[in-house]
Amino acid sequence: MASNSGINEDKQIQWLENGIVENYINYYDYNEFKDFQCIGSGGFSKVYRATLKNSDTVIALKCIKNNNLFIKEIVNEIKLLQKVNLHVNIIKFFGITKKKNNEDTNYLLILEYADSGTLGEFLKNNFSRLDWNMKLQFAIQIADAVSCLHENDIIHCDLHSDNILVHQNMLKLADFGHSHRLAEVSTQKDIVGVLPYIDPQFFQTQTSNNKSYCYKPNKKSDIYSIGVLLWEISSGYKPFKSYNSYQRNKLLLEILDGKRETPIPNTPIDYINIYTSINV
């Protein structure tokens, strides 16, 4: 008898293949691309810069590990990107391609290419030339992108400056691998994300009618992350950068005790009030 995970994987693959046949997912043959260059890598995926041969259009190819868990992630990311694909501050999804190995078929997402890397990298390399007009524009663009998600009842669940890209001085929200529709969200025992950006509620046991339960992600979880990102835009630094990986537990306890980054001198007071009011 086939396992539930195997059945689910078959269903996810069938959805992808049906999408190609029925043209609700654009498909490009892998051989249509050239000049591959790895530009990013994580525990779950690699991202390549490539060029479409016939048009010299530069795109990004996101390759996610091929097993039942990650096939589900690919399908989830495609469905969510299709819901918000018209927003100028959300990375555009163009379609999929397939790369066949000896045993497996790897599906790759074809995405808009961002020419200036991540927001974190951009701030590190360009902060001295950013004026407050541009910083405010960045803050507005992040808020607009997340607002679009929330209007479509999607929560991102993993907002940080390495999941936001910069293209021609415009921000592009990316990496929807951990995102969910609100109706599909359940309580989470496993915390994903980058600690300083995570809503502290995740780490606190919730109680109701004398029963304990794990925190259920919601729109407020994303809003907390926006507050941290606004501080980062104002400072040019990653939050709590003085803490190393061995001090994670120490930082967590201090955040739970109310520790937040200190406002940067000469930051407009209204800007400070916005991000401090949502990072309580």
C-alpha atoms as a PDB file:
ATOM      1  CA  MET A   1       0.000   0.000   0.000  1.00  0.00           C
ATOM      2  CA  ALA A   2       1.288   3.451  -0.921  1.00  0.00           C
ATOM      3  CA  SER A   3       2.068   5.789   1.961  1.00  0.00           C
ATOM      4  CA  ASN A   4       0.109   9.002   2.474  1.00  0.00           C
ATOM      5  CA  SER A   5       3.238  11.034   1.728  1.00  0.00           C
ATOM      6  CA  GLY A   6       3.697   9.190  -1.565  1.00  0.00           C
ATOM      7  CA  ILE A   7       0.069   9.749  -2.529  1.00  0.00           C
ATOM      8  CA  ASN A   8       0.318  13.435  -1.665  1.00  0.00           C
ATOM      9  CA  GLU A   9       3.519  13.779  -3.681  1.00  0.00           C
ATOM     10  CA  ASP A  10       1.840  12.174  -6.693  1.00  0.00           C
ATOM     11  CA  LYS A  11      -1.053  14.615  -6.384  1.00  0.00           C
ATOM     12  CA  GLN A  12       1.311  17.599  -6.224  1.00  0.00           C
ATOM     13  CA  ILE A  13       3.243  16.394  -9.271  1.00  0.00           C
ATOM     14  CA  GLN A  14      -0.014  15.744 -11.118  1.00  0.00           C
ATOM     15  CA  TRP A  15      -1.145  19.306 -10.346  1.00  0.00           C
ATOM     16  CA  LEU A  16       2.099  20.647 -11.837  1.00  0.00           C
ATOM     17  CA  GLU A  17       1.855  18.466 -14.929  1.00  0.00           C
ATOM     18  CA  ASN A  18      -1.817  19.360 -15.435  1.00  0.00           C
ATOM     19  CA  GLY A  19      -0.872  23.016 -15.137  1.00  0.00           C
ATOM     20  CA  ILE A  20       1.625  22.618 -17.960  1.00  0.00           C
ATOM     21  CA  VAL A  21      -0.803  20.717 -20.217  1.00  0.00           C
ATOM     22  CA  GLU A  22      -3.748  23.015 -19.522  1.00  0.00           C
ATOM     23  CA  ASN A  23      -1.612  26.190 -19.738  1.00  0.00           C
ATOM     24  CA  TYR A  24      -2.379  27.628 -16.324  1.00  0.00           C
ATOM     25  CA  ILE A  25       1.359  27.334 -15.666  1.00  0.00           C
ATOM     26  CA  ASN A  26       3.770  28.531 -18.351  1.00  0.00           C
ATOM     27  CA  TYR A  27       6.367  25.905 -19.204  1.00  0.00           C
ATOM     28  CA  TYR A  28       9.820  26.456 -20.733  1.00  0.00           C
ATOM     29  CA  ASP A  29      12.175  23.689 -21.797  1.00  0.00           C
ATOM     30  CA  TYR A  30      15.363  23.683 -19.719  1.00  0.00           C
ATOM     31  CA  ASN A  31      17.422  23.841 -22.908  1.00  0.00           C
ATOM     32  CA  GLU A  32      15.960  27.271 -23.663  1.00  0.00           C
ATOM     33  CA  PHE A  33      18.219  28.764 -20.991  1.00  0.00           C
ATOM     34  CA  LYS A  34      21.949  29.496 -21.009  1.00  0.00           C
ATOM     35  CA  ASP A  35      24.693  31.182 -18.949  1.00  0.00           C
ATOM     36  CA  PHE A  36      23.767  29.603 -15.614  1.00  0.00           C
ATOM     37  CA  GLN A  37      25.330  31.166 -12.534  1.00  0.00           C
ATOM     38  CA  CYS A  38      24.518  30.247  -8.923  1.00  0.00           C
ATOM     39  CA  ILE A  39      23.620  33.451  -7.068  1.00  0.00           C
ATOM     40  CA  GLY A  40      22.118  32.082  -3.860  1.00  0.00           C
ATOM     41  CA  SER A  41      21.817  28.936  -1.836  1.00  0.00           C
ATOM     42  CA  GLY A  42      20.060  27.815   1.322  1.00  0.00           C
ATOM     43  CA  GLY A  43      19.089  24.664   3.159  1.00  0.00           C
ATOM     44  CA  PHE A  44      16.115  24.032   0.898  1.00  0.00           C
ATOM     45  CA  SER A  45      16.940  25.594  -2.457  1.00  0.00           C
ATOM     46  CA  LYS A  46      19.448  27.114  -4.848  1.00  0.00           C
ATOM     47  CA  VAL A  47      18.896  30.129  -7.081  1.00  0.00           C
ATOM     48  CA  TYR A  48      20.569  30.584 -10.438  1.00  0.00           C
ATOM     49  CA  ARG A  49      20.855  33.545 -12.755  1.00  0.00           C
ATOM     50  CA  ALA A  50      20.227  32.464 -16.364  1.00  0.00           C
ATOM     51  CA  THR A  51      19.395  33.905 -19.759  1.00  0.00           C
ATOM     52  CA  LEU A  52      16.588  32.929 -22.116  1.00  0.00           C
ATOM     53  CA  LYS A  53      18.433  32.107 -25.344  1.00  0.00           C
ATOM     54  CA  ASN A  54      16.025  33.621 -27.882  1.00  0.00           C
ATOM     55  CA  SER A  55      15.537  36.979 -26.161  1.00  0.00           C
ATOM     56  CA  ASP A  56      18.569  37.427 -23.880  1.00  0.00           C
ATOM     57  CA  THR A  57      16.084  38.055 -21.066  1.00  0.00           C
ATOM     58  CA  VAL A  58      17.743  37.527 -17.684  1.00  0.00           C
ATOM     59  CA  ILE A  59      15.711  35.500 -15.193  1.00  0.00           C
ATOM     60  CA  ALA A  60      16.200  33.669 -11.900  1.00  0.00           C
ATOM     61  CA  LEU A  61      15.734  29.909 -11.576  1.00  0.00           C
ATOM     62  CA  LYS A  62      14.852  28.594  -8.141  1.00  0.00           C
ATOM     63  CA  CYS A  63      15.620  24.909  -7.694  1.00  0.00           C
ATOM     64  CA  ILE A  64      14.001  23.281  -4.665  1.00  0.00           C
ATOM     65  CA  LYS A  65      15.141  19.903  -3.360  1.00  0.00           C
ATOM     66  CA  ASN A  66      13.141  17.092  -4.881  1.00  0.00           C
ATOM     67  CA  ASN A  67      11.225  15.094  -2.318  1.00  0.00           C
ATOM     68  CA  ASN A  68       7.619  14.948  -1.145  1.00  0.00           C
ATOM     69  CA  LEU A  69       7.969  17.844   1.317  1.00  0.00           C
ATOM     70  CA  PHE A  70       9.572  20.187  -1.202  1.00  0.00           C
ATOM     71  CA  ILE A  71       7.260  19.271  -4.078  1.00  0.00           C
ATOM     72  CA  LYS A  72       4.484  20.474  -1.788  1.00  0.00           C
ATOM     73  CA  GLU A  73       6.473  23.665  -1.165  1.00  0.00           C
ATOM     74  CA  ILE A  74       6.866  24.273  -4.916  1.00  0.00           C
ATOM     75  CA  VAL A  75       3.135  23.890  -5.513  1.00  0.00           C
ATOM     76  CA  ASN A  76       2.321  26.101  -2.535  1.00  0.00           C
ATOM     77  CA  GLU A  77       4.704  28.829  -3.705  1.00  0.00           C
ATOM     78  CA  ILE A  78       3.326  28.769  -7.264  1.00  0.00           C
ATOM     79  CA  LYS A  79      -0.280  29.021  -6.100  1.00  0.00           C
ATOM     80  CA  LEU A  80       0.489  31.954  -3.819  1.00  0.00           C
ATOM     81  CA  LEU A  81       2.625  33.802  -6.375  1.00  0.00           C
ATOM     82  CA  GLN A  82      -0.129  33.470  -8.962  1.00  0.00           C
ATOM     83  CA  LYS A  83      -2.509  35.215  -6.550  1.00  0.00           C
ATOM     84  CA  VAL A  84      -0.269  38.286  -6.185  1.00  0.00           C
ATOM     85  CA  ASN A  85       1.702  38.230  -9.424  1.00  0.00           C
ATOM     86  CA  LEU A  86       0.662  41.710 -10.584  1.00  0.00           C
ATOM     87  CA  HIS A  87       2.030  43.658  -7.613  1.00  0.00           C
ATOM     88  CA  VAL A  88       5.094  45.684  -8.533  1.00  0.00           C
ATOM     89  CA  ASN A  89       6.806  44.999  -5.185  1.00  0.00           C
ATOM     90  CA  ILE A  90       6.413  41.215  -5.302  1.00  0.00           C
ATOM     91  CA  ILE A  91       8.822  39.119  -7.349  1.00  0.00           C
ATOM     92  CA  LYS A  92       7.141  37.969 -10.549  1.00  0.00           C
ATOM     93  CA  PHE A  93       6.535  34.319 -11.352  1.00  0.00           C
ATOM     94  CA  PHE A  94       6.933  33.485 -15.056  1.00  0.00           C
ATOM     95  CA  GLY A  95       6.531  29.714 -15.098  1.00  0.00           C
ATOM     96  CA  ILE A  96       8.421  26.479 -14.482  1.00  0.00           C
ATOM     97  CA  THR A  97      10.996  24.289 -16.161  1.00  0.00           C
ATOM     98  CA  LYS A  98      12.260  20.781 -15.463  1.00  0.00           C
ATOM     99  CA  LYS A  99      15.786  19.444 -15.205  1.00  0.00           C
ATOM    100  CA  LYS A 100      16.073  15.670 -15.434  1.00  0.00           C
ATOM    101  CA  ASN A 101      18.773  13.827 -13.521  1.00  0.00           C
ATOM    102  CA  ASN A 102      19.525  10.126 -13.702  1.00  0.00           C
ATOM    103  CA  GLU A 103      16.682   9.233 -11.355  1.00  0.00           C
ATOM    104  CA  ASP A 104      14.677  12.352 -10.540  1.00  0.00           C
ATOM    105  CA  THR A 105      13.056  15.311 -12.193  1.00  0.00           C
ATOM    106  CA  ASN A 106      13.811  18.631 -10.518  1.00  0.00           C
ATOM    107  CA  TYR A 107      11.230  21.361 -10.985  1.00  0.00           C
ATOM    108  CA  LEU A 108      12.562  24.913 -11.118  1.00  0.00           C
ATOM    109  CA  LEU A 109      10.558  28.095 -10.660  1.00  0.00           C
ATOM    110  CA  ILE A 110      11.237  30.780 -13.270  1.00  0.00           C
ATOM    111  CA  LEU A 111      11.217  34.127 -11.479  1.00  0.00           C
ATOM    112  CA  GLU A 112      11.973  37.773 -12.086  1.00  0.00           C
ATOM    113  CA  TYR A 113      15.665  38.534 -11.704  1.00  0.00           C
ATOM    114  CA  ALA A 114      16.637  41.277  -9.235  1.00  0.00           C
ATOM    115  CA  ASP A 115      19.820  43.064 -10.289  1.00  0.00           C
ATOM    116  CA  SER A 116      20.958  44.321  -6.870  1.00  0.00           C
ATOM    117  CA  GLY A 117      20.661  41.251  -4.658  1.00  0.00           C
ATOM    118  CA  THR A 118      18.950  41.187  -1.295  1.00  0.00           C
ATOM    119  CA  LEU A 119      17.883  44.175   0.760  1.00  0.00           C
ATOM    120  CA  GLY A 120      20.398  43.160   3.426  1.00  0.00           C
ATOM    121  CA  GLU A 121      23.247  43.208   0.913  1.00  0.00           C
ATOM    122  CA  PHE A 122      22.006  46.434  -0.663  1.00  0.00           C
ATOM    123  CA  LEU A 123      21.914  48.276   2.668  1.00  0.00           C
ATOM    124  CA  LYS A 124      25.383  47.016   3.575  1.00  0.00           C
ATOM    125  CA  ASN A 125      26.885  48.187   0.277  1.00  0.00           C
ATOM    126  CA  ASN A 126      24.886  51.355  -0.430  1.00  0.00           C
ATOM    127  CA  PHE A 127      23.655  52.754   2.872  1.00  0.00           C
ATOM    128  CA  SER A 128      25.862  55.859   2.809  1.00  0.00           C
ATOM    129  CA  ARG A 129      24.198  57.106  -0.367  1.00  0.00           C
ATOM    130  CA  LEU A 130      20.607  56.540   0.773  1.00  0.00           C
ATOM    131  CA  ASP A 131      18.688  59.640   1.787  1.00  0.00           C
ATOM    132  CA  TRP A 132      15.539  59.614   3.875  1.00  0.00           C
ATOM    133  CA  ASN A 133      13.320  59.904   0.818  1.00  0.00           C
ATOM    134  CA  MET A 134      14.637  56.567  -0.479  1.00  0.00           C
ATOM    135  CA  LYS A 135      14.464  54.927   2.957  1.00  0.00           C
ATOM    136  CA  LEU A 136      10.827  55.988   3.258  1.00  0.00           C
ATOM    137  CA  GLN A 137      10.121  54.636  -0.208  1.00  0.00           C
ATOM    138  CA  PHE A 138      11.617  51.301   0.793  1.00  0.00           C
ATOM    139  CA  ALA A 139       9.470  51.212   3.932  1.00  0.00           C
ATOM    140  CA  ILE A 140       6.337  52.028   1.933  1.00  0.00           C
ATOM    141  CA  GLN A 141       7.124  49.376  -0.672  1.00  0.00           C
ATOM    142  CA  ILE A 142       7.510  46.656   1.970  1.00  0.00           C
ATOM    143  CA  ALA A 143       4.257  47.697   3.614  1.00  0.00           C
ATOM    144  CA  ASP A 144       2.444  47.767   0.250  1.00  0.00           C
ATOM    145  CA  ALA A 145       3.696  44.296  -0.707  1.00  0.00           C
ATOM    146  CA  VAL A 146       2.688  42.745   2.619  1.00  0.00           C
ATOM    147  CA  SER A 147      -0.648  44.573   2.486  1.00  0.00           C
ATOM    148  CA  CYS A 148      -1.281  42.910  -0.888  1.00  0.00           C
ATOM    149  CA  LEU A 149      -0.595  39.507   0.667  1.00  0.00           C
ATOM    150  CA  HIS A 150      -2.916  40.195   3.571  1.00  0.00           C
ATOM    151  CA  GLU A 151      -5.685  41.452   1.292  1.00  0.00           C
ATOM    152  CA  ASN A 152      -5.489  38.042  -0.373  1.00  0.00           C
ATOM    153  CA  ASP A 153      -5.502  36.320   3.043  1.00  0.00           C
ATOM    154  CA  ILE A 154      -1.876  35.211   2.688  1.00  0.00           C
ATOM    155  CA  ILE A 155       0.724  35.514   5.415  1.00  0.00           C
ATOM    156  CA  HIS A 156       4.401  35.400   4.501  1.00  0.00           C
ATOM    157  CA  CYS A 157       5.728  33.916   7.778  1.00  0.00           C
ATOM    158  CA  ASP A 158       9.409  34.491   6.941  1.00  0.00           C
ATOM    159  CA  LEU A 159       9.989  38.213   6.403  1.00  0.00           C
ATOM    160  CA  HIS A 160      13.589  39.391   6.723  1.00  0.00           C
ATOM    161  CA  SER A 161      16.033  41.417   4.661  1.00  0.00           C
ATOM    162  CA  ASP A 162      17.426  38.396   2.802  1.00  0.00           C
ATOM    163  CA  ASN A 163      13.935  37.500   1.540  1.00  0.00           C
ATOM    164  CA  ILE A 164      13.448  40.940   0.006  1.00  0.00           C
ATOM    165  CA  LEU A 165      15.250  41.674  -3.254  1.00  0.00           C
ATOM    166  CA  VAL A 166      16.243  44.951  -4.900  1.00  0.00           C
ATOM    167  CA  HIS A 167      15.770  45.575  -8.611  1.00  0.00           C
ATOM    168  CA  GLN A 168      16.521  48.971 -10.119  1.00  0.00           C
ATOM    169  CA  ASN A 169      16.189  50.567  -6.663  1.00  0.00           C
ATOM    170  CA  MET A 170      12.773  48.981  -6.122  1.00  0.00           C
ATOM    171  CA  LEU A 171      12.046  46.341  -3.483  1.00  0.00           C
ATOM    172  CA  LYS A 172      10.635  42.934  -4.426  1.00  0.00           C
ATOM    173  CA  LEU A 173       9.208  40.611  -1.786  1.00  0.00           C
ATOM    174  CA  ALA A 174      10.368  37.046  -2.446  1.00  0.00           C
ATOM    175  CA  ASP A 175      10.619  33.494  -1.068  1.00  0.00           C
ATOM    176  CA  PHE A 176       7.120  32.271  -0.299  1.00  0.00           C
ATOM    177  CA  GLY A 177       8.249  28.806   0.750  1.00  0.00           C
ATOM    178  CA  HIS A 178       6.847  29.165   4.279  1.00  0.00           C
ATOM    179  CA  SER A 179       3.842  31.302   3.333  1.00  0.00           C
ATOM    180  CA  HIS A 180       0.249  30.185   3.816  1.00  0.00           C
ATOM    181  CA  ARG A 181      -3.302  31.139   3.150  1.00  0.00           C
ATOM    182  CA  LEU A 182      -4.854  32.116   6.462  1.00  0.00           C
ATOM    183  CA  ALA A 183      -7.496  29.398   6.168  1.00  0.00           C
ATOM    184  CA  GLU A 184      -4.744  26.763   5.965  1.00  0.00           C
ATOM    185  CA  VAL A 185      -2.661  27.963   8.922  1.00  0.00           C
ATOM    186  CA  SER A 186      -2.420  25.750  11.974  1.00  0.00           C
ATOM    187  CA  THR A 187      -0.560  26.172  15.235  1.00  0.00           C
ATOM    188  CA  GLN A 188       3.183  25.672  14.810  1.00  0.00           C
ATOM    189  CA  LYS A 189       5.519  23.695  17.016  1.00  0.00           C
ATOM    190  CA  ASP A 190       8.503  24.236  14.744  1.00  0.00           C
ATOM    191  CA  ILE A 191       9.658  27.842  14.436  1.00  0.00           C
ATOM    192  CA  VAL A 192      11.028  28.888  11.069  1.00  0.00           C
ATOM    193  CA  GLY A 193      12.656  32.185  10.216  1.00  0.00           C
ATOM    194  CA  VAL A 194      15.444  34.485  11.388  1.00  0.00           C
ATOM    195  CA  LEU A 195      15.193  35.083  15.141  1.00  0.00           C
ATOM    196  CA  PRO A 196      15.295  38.922  15.400  1.00  0.00           C
ATOM    197  CA  TYR A 197      12.432  39.249  12.871  1.00  0.00           C
ATOM    198  CA  ILE A 198      10.136  36.627  14.421  1.00  0.00           C
ATOM    199  CA  ASP A 199       7.091  37.731  16.378  1.00  0.00           C
ATOM    200  CA  PRO A 200       7.956  36.952  20.048  1.00  0.00           C
ATOM    201  CA  GLN A 201       4.461  35.475  20.461  1.00  0.00           C
ATOM    202  CA  PHE A 202       5.799  32.401  18.650  1.00  0.00           C
ATOM    203  CA  PHE A 203       7.981  31.609  21.634  1.00  0.00           C
ATOM    204  CA  GLN A 204       5.351  32.063  24.317  1.00  0.00           C
ATOM    205  CA  THR A 205       2.926  29.349  25.330  1.00  0.00           C
ATOM    206  CA  GLN A 206      -0.642  30.467  24.682  1.00  0.00           C
ATOM    207  CA  THR A 207      -3.461  29.557  27.059  1.00  0.00           C
ATOM    208  CA  SER A 208      -7.217  29.412  26.638  1.00  0.00           C
ATOM    209  CA  ASN A 209      -9.688  27.876  29.067  1.00  0.00           C
ATOM    210  CA  ASN A 210      -6.737  26.639  31.116  1.00  0.00           C
ATOM    211  CA  LYS A 211      -5.377  24.755  28.093  1.00  0.00           C
ATOM    212  CA  SER A 212      -1.974  25.423  26.556  1.00  0.00           C
ATOM    213  CA  TYR A 213      -1.396  25.554  22.818  1.00  0.00           C
ATOM    214  CA  CYS A 214       1.213  26.702  20.315  1.00  0.00           C
ATOM    215  CA  TYR A 215       0.961  30.095  18.660  1.00  0.00           C
ATOM    216  CA  LYS A 216      -0.962  30.316  15.396  1.00  0.00           C
ATOM    217  CA  PRO A 217       0.716  32.616  12.830  1.00  0.00           C
ATOM    218  CA  ASN A 218      -1.426  35.505  11.628  1.00  0.00           C
ATOM    219  CA  LYS A 219      -1.158  38.886   9.931  1.00  0.00           C
ATOM    220  CA  LYS A 220       0.259  40.441  13.102  1.00  0.00           C
ATOM    221  CA  SER A 221       3.229  38.055  12.807  1.00  0.00           C
ATOM    222  CA  ASP A 222       4.172  39.690   9.497  1.00  0.00           C
ATOM    223  CA  ILE A 223       3.536  43.186  10.857  1.00  0.00           C
ATOM    224  CA  TYR A 224       6.014  42.619  13.690  1.00  0.00           C
ATOM    225  CA  SER A 225       8.623  41.629  11.074  1.00  0.00           C
ATOM    226  CA  ILE A 226       7.895  44.822   9.135  1.00  0.00           C
ATOM    227  CA  GLY A 227       8.716  46.846  12.246  1.00  0.00           C
ATOM    228  CA  VAL A 228      12.122  45.181  12.503  1.00  0.00           C
ATOM    229  CA  LEU A 229      12.746  45.785   8.798  1.00  0.00           C
ATOM    230  CA  LEU A 230      11.900  49.479   9.194  1.00  0.00           C
ATOM    231  CA  TRP A 231      14.542  49.759  11.922  1.00  0.00           C
ATOM    232  CA  GLU A 232      17.041  47.973   9.645  1.00  0.00           C
ATOM    233  CA  ILE A 233      16.324  50.418   6.811  1.00  0.00           C
ATOM    234  CA  SER A 234      16.914  53.326   9.194  1.00  0.00           C
ATOM    235  CA  SER A 235      20.226  51.929  10.480  1.00  0.00           C
ATOM    236  CA  GLY A 236      21.760  49.949   7.633  1.00  0.00           C
ATOM    237  CA  TYR A 237      22.494  47.067  10.018  1.00  0.00           C
ATOM    238  CA  LYS A 238      21.021  43.642  10.613  1.00  0.00           C
ATOM    239  CA  PRO A 239      19.113  43.648  13.917  1.00  0.00           C
ATOM    240  CA  PHE A 240      21.118  42.512  16.947  1.00  0.00           C
ATOM    241  CA  LYS A 241      24.185  41.969  14.757  1.00  0.00           C
ATOM    242  CA  SER A 242      26.461  41.893  17.831  1.00  0.00           C
ATOM    243  CA  TYR A 243      24.931  38.534  18.868  1.00  0.00           C
ATOM    244  CA  ASN A 244      26.518  35.447  17.345  1.00  0.00           C
ATOM    245  CA  SER A 245      24.848  32.092  16.724  1.00  0.00           C
ATOM    246  CA  TYR A 246      25.986  30.789  20.123  1.00  0.00           C
ATOM    247  CA  GLN A 247      24.043  33.586  21.826  1.00  0.00           C
ATOM    248  CA  ARG A 248      20.705  32.742  20.184  1.00  0.00           C
ATOM    249  CA  ASN A 249      19.078  31.589  23.419  1.00  0.00           C
ATOM    250  CA  LYS A 250      20.358  34.642  25.287  1.00  0.00           C
ATOM    251  CA  LEU A 251      18.923  36.949  22.603  1.00  0.00           C
ATOM    252  CA  LEU A 252      15.617  35.094  22.608  1.00  0.00           C
ATOM    253  CA  LEU A 253      15.206  35.521  26.361  1.00  0.00           C
ATOM    254  CA  GLU A 254      16.080  39.214  26.110  1.00  0.00           C
ATOM    255  CA  ILE A 255      13.581  39.781  23.288  1.00  0.00           C
ATOM    256  CA  LEU A 256      10.905  38.029  25.347  1.00  0.00           C
ATOM    257  CA  ASP A 257      11.844  40.391  28.170  1.00  0.00           C
ATOM    258  CA  GLY A 258      11.176  43.368  25.895  1.00  0.00           C
ATOM    259  CA  LYS A 259      14.597  44.058  24.354  1.00  0.00           C
ATOM    260  CA  ARG A 260      14.379  45.963  21.051  1.00  0.00           C
ATOM    261  CA  GLU A 261      16.904  47.836  18.938  1.00  0.00           C
ATOM    262  CA  THR A 262      17.473  51.482  19.899  1.00  0.00           C
ATOM    263  CA  PRO A 263      16.276  54.131  17.400  1.00  0.00           C
ATOM    264  CA  ILE A 264      19.052  55.621  15.287  1.00  0.00           C
ATOM    265  CA  PRO A 265      19.873  59.326  15.858  1.00  0.00           C
ATOM    266  CA  ASN A 266      18.299  61.734  13.340  1.00  0.00           C
ATOM    267  CA  THR A 267      15.560  59.280  12.421  1.00  0.00           C
ATOM    268  CA  PRO A 268      12.249  61.159  11.881  1.00  0.00           C
ATOM    269  CA  ILE A 269      10.126  60.818  14.997  1.00  0.00           C
ATOM    270  CA  ASP A 270       7.042  59.754  13.033  1.00  0.00           C
ATOM    271  CA  TYR A 271       9.057  56.931  11.477  1.00  0.00           C
ATOM    272  CA  ILE A 272      10.256  55.794  14.905  1.00  0.00           C
ATOM    273  CA  ASN A 273       6.705  55.905  16.248  1.00  0.00           C
ATOM    274  CA  ILE A 274       5.506  53.649  13.424  1.00  0.00           C
ATOM    275  CA  TYR A 275       7.972  50.823  13.948  1.00  0.00           C
ATOM    276  CA  THR A 276       8.093  51.020  17.751  1.00  0.00           C
ATOM    277  CA  SER A 277       4.289  50.869  17.949  1.00  0.00           C
ATOM    278  CA  ILE A 278       4.239  47.515  16.112  1.00  0.00           C
ATOM    279  CA  ASN A 279       7.282  46.002  17.854  1.00  0.00           C
ATOM    280  CA  VAL A 280       5.785  45.880  21.328  1.00  0.00           C
END
